[in-house]
């Protein structure tokens, strides 16, 4: 699903809320309505599925004598469902949705990832693709930049060495690191 279809779907479900509030958890229309929301969230990824699973329409404690109050938890669950879907629509309108977010859910146990999508004009590209003047930095920074550049050009790059060098530059020569990042479009 794309962002627009998801926004339309959740807005439609929000529009059906008044009718759903008149039902209860045993009504087939409610079950179908909520299951379609849950399954859509599951397809969106573990984060969204978890948020949908947190909405509860049932009493937290059941009375063994059968005089349980189902109306109050159902009303509370409907309020939670409405708040969840409204915030989800706002999130989708602001940030959009990418199916790759489900891939990130799977990879989150391996560490955080940052995906940068840069769109630049030709004029911006010409400004970025400039030679880095290393002589403006002290000798240690120059050495680390050369070390980083030579490692990046290798066929079998050492991720640890690159990571350590970038961390050092971020700490000691941040402006040199920024220059490298801006000029990276010109590195081959």
Protein backbone atom coordinates (compact mmCIF):
# COMPACT_ATOMS: atom_id res chain seq x y z
CA UNK A 1 0.00 0.00 0.00
CA UNK A 2 1.13 3.51 -0.61
CA UNK A 3 0.73 6.45 1.74
CA UNK A 4 -2.38 7.90 0.09
CA UNK A 5 -4.21 4.55 0.15
CA UNK A 6 -3.33 4.08 3.83
CA UNK A 7 -4.56 7.57 4.72
CA UNK A 8 -7.81 6.93 2.80
CA UNK A 9 -8.21 3.53 4.50
CA UNK A 10 -7.74 4.86 8.05
CA UNK A 11 -9.92 7.93 7.39
CA UNK A 12 -12.67 5.59 6.15
CA UNK A 13 -12.34 3.51 9.33
CA UNK A 14 -12.48 6.70 11.41
CA UNK A 15 -15.66 7.67 9.55
CA UNK A 16 -17.21 4.35 10.60
CA UNK A 17 -16.45 4.99 14.29
CA UNK A 18 -19.92 6.34 15.25
CA UNK A 19 -21.56 3.15 13.96
CA UNK A 20 -18.96 0.94 15.66
CA UNK A 21 -19.50 2.71 19.00
CA UNK A 22 -23.11 1.48 18.94
CA UNK A 23 -21.98 -2.16 18.67
CA UNK A 24 -20.04 -4.46 20.99
CA UNK A 25 -17.12 -6.87 20.74
CA UNK A 26 -19.42 -9.77 19.80
CA UNK A 27 -20.91 -8.07 16.75
CA UNK A 28 -19.56 -9.39 13.43
CA UNK A 29 -19.44 -5.89 11.92
CA UNK A 30 -17.18 -4.73 14.76
CA UNK A 31 -14.97 -7.83 14.48
CA UNK A 32 -14.58 -7.35 10.72
CA UNK A 33 -13.91 -3.62 11.14
CA UNK A 34 -11.22 -4.08 13.79
CA UNK A 35 -9.58 -7.13 12.13
CA UNK A 36 -9.14 -5.19 8.89
CA UNK A 37 -7.40 -2.42 10.86
CA UNK A 38 -5.17 -4.91 12.68
CA UNK A 39 -4.24 -6.80 9.52
CA UNK A 40 -3.40 -3.56 7.71
CA UNK A 41 -1.16 -2.54 10.60
CA UNK A 42 0.51 -5.97 10.51
CA UNK A 43 1.28 -5.49 6.82
CA UNK A 44 2.75 -2.08 7.63
CA UNK A 45 5.28 -3.65 10.02
CA UNK A 46 5.88 -4.77 13.57
CA UNK A 47 5.84 -1.25 15.03
CA UNK A 48 2.36 -0.51 13.69
CA UNK A 49 1.09 -4.01 14.51
CA UNK A 50 2.26 -3.58 18.12
CA UNK A 51 0.43 -0.28 18.46
CA UNK A 52 -2.79 -1.83 17.14
CA UNK A 53 -2.43 -4.80 19.52
CA UNK A 54 -2.22 -2.35 22.45
CA UNK A 55 -5.81 -1.24 21.85
CA UNK A 56 -8.01 -3.27 24.20
CA UNK A 57 -11.82 -3.53 24.12
CA UNK A 58 -12.26 -6.01 26.98
CA UNK A 59 -12.27 -5.74 30.81
CA UNK A 60 -8.86 -6.13 32.36
CA UNK A 61 -10.29 -8.31 35.14
CA UNK A 62 -13.15 -10.75 34.74
CA UNK A 63 -15.60 -11.42 37.54
CA UNK A 64 -16.22 -15.16 37.88
CA UNK A 65 -19.83 -14.50 38.91
CA UNK A 66 -20.65 -13.08 35.48
CA UNK A 67 -21.55 -9.50 36.29
CA UNK A 68 -18.72 -8.01 34.25
CA UNK A 69 -19.10 -4.52 32.82
CA UNK A 70 -18.22 -4.75 29.11
CA UNK A 71 -19.58 -1.34 28.10
CA UNK A 72 -16.92 0.80 29.82
CA UNK A 73 -13.88 -1.12 28.48
CA UNK A 74 -15.43 -1.20 25.00
CA UNK A 75 -15.99 2.59 25.06
CA UNK A 76 -12.44 3.10 26.33
CA UNK A 77 -11.09 0.80 23.62
CA UNK A 78 -12.99 2.74 20.97
CA UNK A 79 -11.49 5.99 22.29
CA UNK A 80 -8.03 4.42 22.15
CA UNK A 81 -8.67 3.10 18.63
CA UNK A 82 -9.81 6.53 17.46
CA UNK A 83 -6.76 8.24 18.98
CA UNK A 84 -4.47 5.58 17.46
CA UNK A 85 -5.91 5.98 13.97
CA UNK A 86 -5.93 9.80 14.12
CA UNK A 87 -2.28 9.85 15.16
CA UNK A 88 -1.49 7.28 12.47
CA UNK A 89 -3.13 9.46 9.79
CA UNK A 90 -1.17 12.49 11.04
CA UNK A 91 2.05 10.47 10.97
CA UNK A 92 1.36 9.25 7.43
CA UNK A 93 0.52 12.78 6.26
CA UNK A 94 3.70 14.17 7.80
CA UNK A 95 6.22 11.41 7.14
CA UNK A 96 4.61 9.20 4.52
CA UNK A 97 4.92 5.44 4.46
CA UNK A 98 7.55 3.27 2.88
CA UNK A 99 7.26 -0.49 2.66
CA UNK A 100 10.98 -0.60 3.47
CA UNK A 101 10.03 0.36 7.04
CA UNK A 102 8.95 -3.27 7.51
CA UNK A 103 12.48 -4.28 6.49
CA UNK A 104 13.84 -1.89 9.10
CA UNK A 105 11.64 -3.54 11.73
CA UNK A 106 13.29 -6.86 10.90
CA UNK A 107 16.74 -5.33 11.03
CA UNK A 108 16.24 -3.33 14.23
CA UNK A 109 17.66 -6.15 16.32
CA UNK A 110 20.91 -5.77 14.38
CA UNK A 111 21.17 -2.05 15.03
CA UNK A 112 19.78 1.24 13.88
CA UNK A 113 20.02 2.22 10.24
CA UNK A 114 19.83 5.61 8.64
CA UNK A 115 18.62 5.92 5.09
CA UNK A 116 19.38 9.21 3.36
CA UNK A 117 17.53 10.14 0.19
CA UNK A 118 19.13 13.24 -1.25
CA UNK A 119 17.79 15.08 -4.24
CA UNK A 120 19.98 17.87 -5.49
CA UNK A 121 20.00 20.17 -8.50
CA UNK A 122 22.80 20.26 -11.04
CA UNK A 123 23.92 23.62 -9.63
CA UNK A 124 24.11 22.14 -6.11
CA UNK A 125 26.02 19.20 -7.51
CA UNK A 126 28.61 21.50 -9.07
CA UNK A 127 29.08 23.28 -5.74
CA UNK A 128 29.50 19.99 -3.88
CA UNK A 129 31.87 18.33 -6.35
CA UNK A 130 34.87 20.38 -5.36
CA UNK A 131 38.31 19.30 -4.30
CA UNK A 132 38.86 19.17 -0.56
CA UNK A 133 41.70 21.48 0.43
CA UNK A 134 43.36 19.45 3.20
CA UNK A 135 46.11 21.98 3.83
CA UNK A 136 43.68 24.09 5.87
CA UNK A 137 43.57 21.36 8.56
CA UNK A 138 46.24 20.32 11.06
CA UNK A 139 48.49 17.37 10.21
CA UNK A 140 46.59 14.82 12.36
CA UNK A 141 43.31 15.66 10.62
CA UNK A 142 44.99 15.52 7.21
CA UNK A 143 46.42 12.08 8.03
CA UNK A 144 43.05 10.77 9.20
CA UNK A 145 41.30 12.12 6.10
CA UNK A 146 43.91 10.46 3.86
CA UNK A 147 43.50 7.24 5.87
CA UNK A 148 39.72 7.37 5.42
CA UNK A 149 39.92 8.13 1.71
CA UNK A 150 42.39 5.33 1.04
CA UNK A 151 40.21 2.87 2.98
CA UNK A 152 37.09 3.96 1.08
CA UNK A 153 38.86 3.37 -2.24
CA UNK A 154 39.83 -0.22 -1.34
CA UNK A 155 37.87 -3.11 -2.80
CA UNK A 156 37.73 -4.92 0.58
CA UNK A 157 36.93 -2.06 2.93
CA UNK A 158 37.36 -2.44 6.67
CA UNK A 159 34.11 -1.22 8.23
CA UNK A 160 35.77 -1.03 11.64
CA UNK A 161 38.63 1.12 10.34
CA UNK A 162 36.22 3.41 8.49
CA UNK A 163 33.97 3.68 11.54
CA UNK A 164 36.89 4.42 13.89
CA UNK A 165 38.28 7.06 11.53
CA UNK A 166 34.90 8.75 11.06
CA UNK A 167 34.39 8.79 14.85
CA UNK A 168 37.83 10.35 15.33
CA UNK A 169 37.10 12.98 12.67
CA UNK A 170 33.69 13.70 14.17
CA UNK A 171 35.41 14.34 17.50
CA UNK A 172 38.57 16.17 16.39
CA UNK A 173 38.00 17.44 12.84
CA UNK A 174 34.29 17.80 12.31
CA UNK A 175 34.59 20.48 9.63
CA UNK A 176 36.93 18.22 7.63
CA UNK A 177 34.43 15.38 7.98
CA UNK A 178 31.64 17.64 6.73
CA UNK A 179 33.78 18.60 3.73
CA UNK A 180 34.36 14.93 2.96
CA UNK A 181 30.67 14.15 3.18
CA UNK A 182 29.77 17.05 0.92
CA UNK A 183 32.44 16.06 -1.59
CA UNK A 184 31.67 12.34 -1.39
CA UNK A 185 29.64 12.54 -4.58
CA UNK A 186 32.95 13.11 -6.36
CA UNK A 187 34.76 10.10 -4.78
CA UNK A 188 35.01 6.96 -6.88
